[in-house]
Every structure is written in C-alpha cells, then in structure tokens.
C-alpha cells in the first residue's frame, strides 16, 4: 500500500525592525494549494521552495511505493513580522486541507524557522503544533529549516526531526530535503528519533556565519563529522539576530537513532565549543569612502582585480528594503567607472522608465515615497538603456534552476554605472539579474550588490572571497548591533552582555 505523505510549508524570515509582511507579500511571492503545488513542481524551473523538489526526488529514488499529498505552500521575501490575521487564516486553511487528506503516513514541512507575527514570536511552533494535533503522535513529522531559524522548545517538541541547512550561502536545500526523506523512510522502518535541543545564549552578526570558513564553519563541520549509526542528524542553527525574540540564540539540535544518551553528549559537546568560540564571531567591515575608493581604483586600473561590494545593511534577504542610496550616491559622486549596481527595488521608478521607453533621458527619483529612515529620496540623471519583464531562471547559487519574477525591470545608465531597478524586492544573489540585460560580469570592474552573503555563491566564478568588500552602511540589516534596540531577547545574551557567564545544561 502506498505511503501517503503530506507536503506543506510556510517561509518567512522576519525582521522585527522592517515593515509588516502582508497577505499581498505572500501571494505575490507564491501561494499554492493542492494540485497547484504538484503542477508547479512539474515545471522545468519551479517557483516553489527547492526543498519540495528535493524531497520528492529522493522519495522516488528510494523505490518505495508512496504518494505525495500536496496541502499548501507559501512564503514571502524576508520582511517584517507577518500580519497575524493572515497567518491565522493560512494556518486554518492548512488545517482544513490536512484533515481532509487523512489518513496520512507522514508529513514533510518546509519552513524557514525565523517567522514572527504581529502577535507572537513563535508562529512556526504554532504551525507544527497544529499539524501534530491533526495527524496524532504516531505519524512522522519532519521539517527542514534555514540555519538562521530561531528555535523554540515547541518547534522541537511537536516535530520528530528538524533538519537544518548546513551551507551559507544556502545551496543545499535539495540535499537537506533528501536527508529528511531518508530519515522518514527510516522512521517507516521503525527508527525512533530522540532529539536533544540546547540553546546557547549568543547572537552573531550575519556576516560571520559563513559555512566555507570561520568559526561557524568549524562548528558545522565538527558536528557533521560526528554523525554515525547512533546520530541521525546534527543541526546547528545560528539564528536570525533581527528577529528580536526570546527564542534567539545559537541552537544545537542533535537527533539520535533510538539513542538519547549519545545525542545528549554530542549536543553538550557542540554547545560548549560554540560558547568557547563566541569571541571569534567578530566583524570587520569597510567604510563607504574606503569601498568607493577601491571601486574607483579598479575602474581606472585594469591590472587590479575587480571587486564586489556587499551592501550588507540593506539586504532584502534579511528584511532590508533593497533601495537605500548611500553607497550608490557615493559611487556616483566619485565618478566610478565600469560599475554594476543592483538590484534596487523601486516599483514606481521601474514603471516610469518602462513608460518613457528605451533611450529616454530623465531625472530619476529613487524612493519618491520612503518606507523608512534609511530609504532616502535620491534624484539623479539617467538614461533608459534596457527594459525587461523581470522573469528569469536563476543560474547560480540560491536561485539556480528556479523561476524568479522580479516584475517589470529596467537598466539605467548613470555615467559609468549600470543600475538595475526591479519591481519586486529580491536579494541580488544571481548574476542572471544583470545578464538578462546583456551585462557580462567579466566587463565589470566593480559590482555593488544588495545582499549579505548569497551573492558569494552566485558570483563566485568572477569574484573570489578575497575580492569581496563588506560595506558598513546604514540599513535595517546592519551588522553593527549597537544600531538596534534589541528588547525582545532573553537576557543575558552575548555579545550584548559581554561579561556574562553560562554553563551547558546537564539535565
């Protein structure tokens, strides 16, 4: 008899300091119910979360008789807390379709794990609890999470296994979903997972959380190297600092195979190592004038290696608006040449450029209606040199193989700068966002990206880590924690309380 496995999910990385994420934000990014999910997944380049494709492919490869039961999947670009009324309606719709799908043999849930709402700091836990209420205690419930998830006790208690990404930039969504599929098959065969969860009271600037090198990479590698017959999964989630919740912290989740003692020992070991390394999560950012000086030098001397500047403080992938002008303005004032800049989010500016048409020269206004103090109004002379509907297929990094819709988009020429403006907010993680206008990376002497880290995977063929400049600019995702009033954390917490003491729990 075929195993019936429900597929469902809801994704949001919520920044407490960003504007509320609305129903329109979710529906614009994608809201799929029932067969709409499987129809999308049947496309060559789906729009839905990559985890779903990874899970289905692995289940098919397992060779067992199974049937996917699509429920509901939705998500939004990272932003502020989700409107709670919309969240409750979505959860109710999930519950309705899940109950209608019974009986089920398992549930695969694709989540981010750092969602908050305008009413609660733990919507993810509420979703998992709802699923558990519907399916009962004996049906496997396995969820995948972003490694920036803020983990609550309820999230761990209501699921059987939580599987977090192990790469940052995130390029292993399919692999982690495949791992979830394998673990579900193990549960069908009788394996009983034993999860141990320890929250280490430390939050780290996002730029310090790369998985290729640095203290976080060392911890992730240490945990992965210790998976064995007794240890089914090791997930190390650094959390999302801007969530500003009591659940913030570095979460260690070790899941044993019928073996809690081994899982507990390893979780305690990793937690202690994380705490001991806390001072290594230090930032080293470059000022705007220094970054611009390097870009200008590259534009004037072809013998210098090109550079890519990350506007970490205005990262749409963390709730940034993707439209702050601080670095762009400095580049223009310094007359930097052979520079690409993108992708800037301004629906009104993109629409105006489309209306004016190719070749139009006009006074462009960025942020004519400001969303926040950082999205300053900025006016400049520009020429429309490219127009696009904004629909493309990602080629590298986090968007590889997925259909991305940036909305009506425009290529503006501003002196020596090629500026890309889009109608839908998105992190600049893929060179395709420039290439769709005919811009080749090898022709750029400097590139400004609205991104914190995912650009590293997408632009790696042209820019090595040594060519990356992380710029210190104003914005909703600044890595300078002193710029924020974190009033939601459970205190004490490092580094806000630098002299605090903490011991790994022994219970």
Foldseek 3Di string as FASTA:
>chain_A
DAAEEEEEEEEEQAFAVFDAQEPVQWVVQNKDAWVSVVVQLPDQFHSFDLLVVLQVVLLVVVVGHYDYTYGIYIYGQYAHAYAVVVLVVVLVSSLVRLLVPPPHQAYEYEYAAQHHHPVGRGSVLVSLQSNCVRHDDLHAYEYEYELQHLDDPSNPVSHQYYFYALFVVGDCSSVSSSLVNVVNVVVVVPWRKDKDKDFQQAAFAPLQQGLVDHDNVVLSVVVVVPDDQFWSHWRWRRHQVSSLAQSHGTMTMTITGVDNVVSVVVSQVSSVSCVVCRVRRDDDADALVVVLVQQQVLQVDVVDAFFEEEAQQQASNNRHQQAQCPNVVVNLVVLGAQEEEDDHEDQVQLVVDVVQDAFDKDWTWGCPPPSDPRNDIDIAIKGWHFKDQQWDQAPWFPRHSHIDGQGIKTWIDGRRYTYIYTHGDDWPQACVSVVVRVDDPVRGRYYYTNHSTNVCTRCVVRAPPVRYHYYQDHHSSGSPCVVDDSPNYDPDGPPVPPPDDDHTDPD
